[in-house]
C-alpha atoms as a PDB file:
ATOM      1  CA  MET A   1      -9.710 -35.377  30.962  1.00  0.00           C
ATOM      2  CA  LYS A   2     -12.575 -33.135  30.491  1.00  0.00           C
ATOM      3  CA  ILE A   3     -11.022 -30.392  32.532  1.00  0.00           C
ATOM      4  CA  ILE A   4      -8.025 -30.384  30.512  1.00  0.00           C
ATOM      5  CA  THR A   5      -9.980 -30.191  27.243  1.00  0.00           C
ATOM      6  CA  ILE A   6     -12.212 -27.382  28.603  1.00  0.00           C
ATOM      7  CA  SER A   7      -9.348 -25.447  29.860  1.00  0.00           C
ATOM      8  CA  SER A   8      -7.425 -25.834  26.615  1.00  0.00           C
ATOM      9  CA  ILE A   9     -10.307 -24.692  24.699  1.00  0.00           C
ATOM     10  CA  VAL A  10     -10.727 -21.521  26.923  1.00  0.00           C
ATOM     11  CA  PHE A  11      -7.055 -20.855  26.638  1.00  0.00           C
ATOM     12  CA  LEU A  12      -7.242 -21.039  22.703  1.00  0.00           C
ATOM     13  CA  VAL A  13     -10.263 -18.881  22.654  1.00  0.00           C
ATOM     14  CA  LEU A  14      -8.715 -16.140  24.931  1.00  0.00           C
ATOM     15  CA  THR A  15      -5.429 -16.339  23.015  1.00  0.00           C
ATOM     16  CA  THR A  16      -7.219 -15.963  19.763  1.00  0.00           C
ATOM     17  CA  VAL A  17      -9.173 -12.879  20.920  1.00  0.00           C
ATOM     18  CA  TRP A  18      -6.038 -11.253  22.330  1.00  0.00           C
ATOM     19  CA  ALA A  19      -4.164 -11.966  19.018  1.00  0.00           C
ATOM     20  CA  CYS A  20      -6.911 -10.275  17.018  1.00  0.00           C
ATOM     21  CA  ASN A  21      -7.124  -7.262  19.141  1.00  0.00           C
ATOM     22  CA  THR A  22      -5.716  -4.217  17.300  1.00  0.00           C
ATOM     23  CA  THR A  23      -3.683  -1.531  19.031  1.00  0.00           C
ATOM     24  CA  LYS A  24      -5.567   1.502  19.919  1.00  0.00           C
ATOM     25  CA  TYR A  25      -3.725   4.684  19.345  1.00  0.00           C
ATOM     26  CA  SER A  26      -4.131   8.170  20.836  1.00  0.00           C
ATOM     27  CA  VAL A  27      -3.219  11.505  19.070  1.00  0.00           C
ATOM     28  CA  ASP A  28      -0.200  11.643  21.303  1.00  0.00           C
ATOM     29  CA  ASP A  29       1.084   8.089  20.290  1.00  0.00           C
ATOM     30  CA  LEU A  30       0.270   7.634  16.419  1.00  0.00           C
ATOM     31  CA  PRO A  31       1.403   4.798  14.119  1.00  0.00           C
ATOM     32  CA  ASP A  32       3.852   5.597  11.282  1.00  0.00           C
ATOM     33  CA  LYS A  33       1.161   6.071   8.770  1.00  0.00           C
ATOM     34  CA  GLN A  34      -1.832   8.592   8.967  1.00  0.00           C
ATOM     35  CA  PHE A  35      -4.150   9.492   6.158  1.00  0.00           C
ATOM     36  CA  TYR A  36      -5.639  12.903   6.385  1.00  0.00           C
ATOM     37  CA  PHE A  37      -8.367  14.255   4.249  1.00  0.00           C
ATOM     38  CA  GLY A  38     -10.835  17.172   4.162  1.00  0.00           C
ATOM     39  CA  ASN A  39     -11.621  20.464   2.883  1.00  0.00           C
ATOM     40  CA  GLY A  40     -11.354  24.086   3.521  1.00  0.00           C
ATOM     41  CA  GLY A  41     -11.427  27.809   2.288  1.00  0.00           C
ATOM     42  CA  GLY A  42     -14.286  29.939   1.372  1.00  0.00           C
ATOM     43  CA  PHE A  43     -15.372  33.193   3.177  1.00  0.00           C
ATOM     44  CA  THR A  44     -14.354  31.883   6.717  1.00  0.00           C
ATOM     45  CA  GLY A  45     -11.232  30.015   5.683  1.00  0.00           C
ATOM     46  CA  ALA A  46     -12.474  27.142   8.028  1.00  0.00           C
ATOM     47  CA  VAL A  47     -10.833  23.806   7.477  1.00  0.00           C
ATOM     48  CA  ASN A  48     -12.517  20.371   8.104  1.00  0.00           C
ATOM     49  CA  GLU A  49      -9.844  17.767   8.489  1.00  0.00           C
ATOM     50  CA  TYR A  50      -9.923  14.152   9.391  1.00  0.00           C
ATOM     51  CA  MET A  51      -7.387  11.564  10.189  1.00  0.00           C
ATOM     52  CA  LEU A  52      -7.694   7.702   9.378  1.00  0.00           C
ATOM     53  CA  LEU A  53      -5.480   5.096  10.846  1.00  0.00           C
ATOM     54  CA  GLU A  54      -4.758   1.662   9.133  1.00  0.00           C
ATOM     55  CA  ASN A  55      -6.632   0.033  12.232  1.00  0.00           C
ATOM     56  CA  GLY A  56      -9.706   1.936  11.273  1.00  0.00           C
ATOM     57  CA  GLN A  57      -9.425   4.566  13.950  1.00  0.00           C
ATOM     58  CA  LEU A  58     -10.968   7.916  12.748  1.00  0.00           C
ATOM     59  CA  PHE A  59     -10.316  11.380  14.183  1.00  0.00           C
ATOM     60  CA  LYS A  60     -11.646  14.819  13.545  1.00  0.00           C
ATOM     61  CA  HIS A  61      -9.344  17.758  13.909  1.00  0.00           C
ATOM     62  CA  ASP A  62     -11.136  20.848  15.204  1.00  0.00           C
ATOM     63  CA  ALA A  63      -9.839  23.893  16.623  1.00  0.00           C
ATOM     64  CA  GLY A  64      -6.500  22.348  17.337  1.00  0.00           C
ATOM     65  CA  ASP A  65      -7.887  19.319  19.129  1.00  0.00           C
ATOM     66  CA  TYR A  66      -8.624  15.775  17.838  1.00  0.00           C
ATOM     67  CA  THR A  67     -11.975  14.004  18.536  1.00  0.00           C
ATOM     68  CA  GLU A  68     -12.289  10.289  18.040  1.00  0.00           C
ATOM     69  CA  LEU A  69     -15.158   9.372  15.867  1.00  0.00           C
ATOM     70  CA  PRO A  70     -16.583   5.641  15.625  1.00  0.00           C
ATOM     71  CA  LYS A  71     -14.225   3.275  14.241  1.00  0.00           C
ATOM     72  CA  VAL A  72     -14.215   2.193  10.659  1.00  0.00           C
ATOM     73  CA  LYS A  73     -13.858  -1.429   9.863  1.00  0.00           C
ATOM     74  CA  LYS A  74     -10.074  -2.387   9.621  1.00  0.00           C
ATOM     75  CA  LYS A  75     -10.773  -3.980   6.164  1.00  0.00           C
ATOM     76  CA  LYS A  76     -12.351  -0.791   4.736  1.00  0.00           C
ATOM     77  CA  ALA A  77      -9.396   1.324   6.226  1.00  0.00           C
ATOM     78  CA  ALA A  78      -6.870  -1.033   4.579  1.00  0.00           C
ATOM     79  CA  GLN A  79      -8.675  -0.736   1.250  1.00  0.00           C
ATOM     80  CA  LEU A  80      -8.517   3.112   1.395  1.00  0.00           C
ATOM     81  CA  PHE A  81      -4.835   3.069   2.221  1.00  0.00           C
ATOM     82  CA  LYS A  82      -4.138   0.583  -0.653  1.00  0.00           C
ATOM     83  CA  THR A  83      -6.168   2.684  -3.071  1.00  0.00           C
ATOM     84  CA  TYR A  84      -4.012   5.795  -2.145  1.00  0.00           C
ATOM     85  CA  TYR A  85      -0.892   3.861  -3.009  1.00  0.00           C
ATOM     86  CA  ASP A  86      -2.414   2.153  -5.991  1.00  0.00           C
ATOM     87  CA  LEU A  87      -3.102   5.581  -7.448  1.00  0.00           C
ATOM     88  CA  LYS A  88       0.626   6.494  -6.688  1.00  0.00           C
ATOM     89  CA  LEU A  89      -0.489   9.590  -4.856  1.00  0.00           C
ATOM     90  CA  ASP A  90       2.888   9.381  -3.053  1.00  0.00           C
ATOM     91  CA  GLU A  91       4.457  10.153  -6.401  1.00  0.00           C
ATOM     92  CA  PHE A  92       1.897  12.555  -7.555  1.00  0.00           C
ATOM     93  CA  HIS A  93       2.406  16.177  -6.883  1.00  0.00           C
ATOM     94  CA  PHE A  94      -0.978  18.004  -7.578  1.00  0.00           C
ATOM     95  CA  ARG A  95      -1.614  21.302  -5.954  1.00  0.00           C
ATOM     96  CA  ARG A  96      -4.337  23.347  -7.550  1.00  0.00           C
ATOM     97  CA  PRO A  97      -6.490  24.533  -4.529  1.00  0.00           C
ATOM     98  CA  GLY A  98      -9.048  27.254  -5.271  1.00  0.00           C
ATOM     99  CA  ASN A  99     -11.050  29.500  -2.855  1.00  0.00           C
ATOM    100  CA  MET A 100     -12.770  26.208  -1.740  1.00  0.00           C
ATOM    101  CA  TYR A 101     -10.336  23.322  -1.819  1.00  0.00           C
ATOM    102  CA  TYR A 102     -10.122  19.647  -0.915  1.00  0.00           C
ATOM    103  CA  PHE A 103      -7.167  17.632   0.167  1.00  0.00           C
ATOM    104  CA  LEU A 104      -5.563  14.234   0.706  1.00  0.00           C
ATOM    105  CA  ARG A 105      -2.394  13.903   2.691  1.00  0.00           C
ATOM    106  CA  MET A 106      -0.502  10.940   3.740  1.00  0.00           C
ATOM    107  CA  LYS A 107       2.220  10.894   6.540  1.00  0.00           C
ATOM    108  CA  ASP A 108       4.445   7.934   6.257  1.00  0.00           C
ATOM    109  CA  LYS A 109       7.147   7.874   8.974  1.00  0.00           C
ATOM    110  CA  ASP A 110       9.383  10.870   8.073  1.00  0.00           C
ATOM    111  CA  SER A 111       7.636  11.684   4.635  1.00  0.00           C
ATOM    112  CA  GLU A 112       4.466  13.528   3.822  1.00  0.00           C
ATOM    113  CA  TYR A 113       2.607  13.598   0.600  1.00  0.00           C
ATOM    114  CA  TYR A 114      -0.017  16.193  -0.183  1.00  0.00           C
ATOM    115  CA  THR A 115      -2.577  16.754  -3.021  1.00  0.00           C
ATOM    116  CA  SER A 116      -5.049  19.494  -3.286  1.00  0.00           C
ATOM    117  CA  TRP A 117      -7.570  20.800  -5.797  1.00  0.00           C
ATOM    118  CA  GLY A 118     -10.398  23.235  -6.047  1.00  0.00           C
ATOM    119  CA  ASN A 119      -9.361  25.590  -8.724  1.00  0.00           C
ATOM    120  CA  PRO A 120     -12.214  25.681 -11.392  1.00  0.00           C
ATOM    121  CA  GLY A 121     -11.404  24.161 -14.686  1.00  0.00           C
ATOM    122  CA  VAL A 122      -8.238  22.315 -12.976  1.00  0.00           C
ATOM    123  CA  LEU A 123      -9.420  18.988 -11.752  1.00  0.00           C
ATOM    124  CA  PRO A 124      -7.252  15.947 -10.664  1.00  0.00           C
ATOM    125  CA  ASP A 125      -7.963  12.576 -12.031  1.00  0.00           C
ATOM    126  CA  SER A 126     -11.591  11.154 -11.384  1.00  0.00           C
ATOM    127  CA  LEU A 127     -10.254   8.318  -9.355  1.00  0.00           C
ATOM    128  CA  ILE A 128      -8.691  10.704  -6.954  1.00  0.00           C
ATOM    129  CA  ALA A 129     -12.235  12.327  -6.565  1.00  0.00           C
ATOM    130  CA  VAL A 130     -13.777   8.950  -6.018  1.00  0.00           C
ATOM    131  CA  LEU A 131     -11.377   8.054  -3.300  1.00  0.00           C
ATOM    132  CA  TYR A 132     -12.029  11.517  -1.643  1.00  0.00           C
ATOM    133  CA  ASP A 133     -15.920  10.839  -1.668  1.00  0.00           C
ATOM    134  CA  ASP A 134     -15.226   7.291  -0.335  1.00  0.00           C
ATOM    135  CA  LEU A 135     -13.308   8.874   2.626  1.00  0.00           C
ATOM    136  CA  MET A 136     -15.828  11.623   3.178  1.00  0.00           C
ATOM    137  CA  GLN A 137     -18.785   9.122   3.363  1.00  0.00           C
ATOM    138  CA  LEU A 138     -16.870   7.760   6.316  1.00  0.00           C
ATOM    139  CA  VAL A 139     -17.586  11.017   8.354  1.00  0.00           C
ATOM    140  CA  GLN A 140     -20.947  11.747   6.963  1.00  0.00           C
ATOM    141  CA  LYS A 141     -22.228   8.646   8.439  1.00  0.00           C
ATOM    142  CA  LYS A 142     -20.858   9.629  11.834  1.00  0.00           C
END
């Protein structure tokens, strides 16, 4: 009787661990949604671009290659994606880049939504700047 109980418990634990395991993606096999953010411009025109996935994977795009950064908590990633859609950025078309610019871009299956700003005196809603700052904090810790 004890053998059946112990093996049942082990089976349940292993099943739970396996079910909670999230899919790990590569840049060659991405999920439908990818959240890009970053900045660029200036004298060199360099662009700093990052990609966040809903499972918390975080990548830096540099010179044509993507480097995986330490993972973000899945709950935090979900909150950032939700904020993007709560702000209706998929319906908002704001493109006012300046010499130095900041951007948010969402790829969702066959659609792509892009918001950029940086032109002096033309700023987006402050909630967009807060979302951008939250995203940049993810990569500044890394």
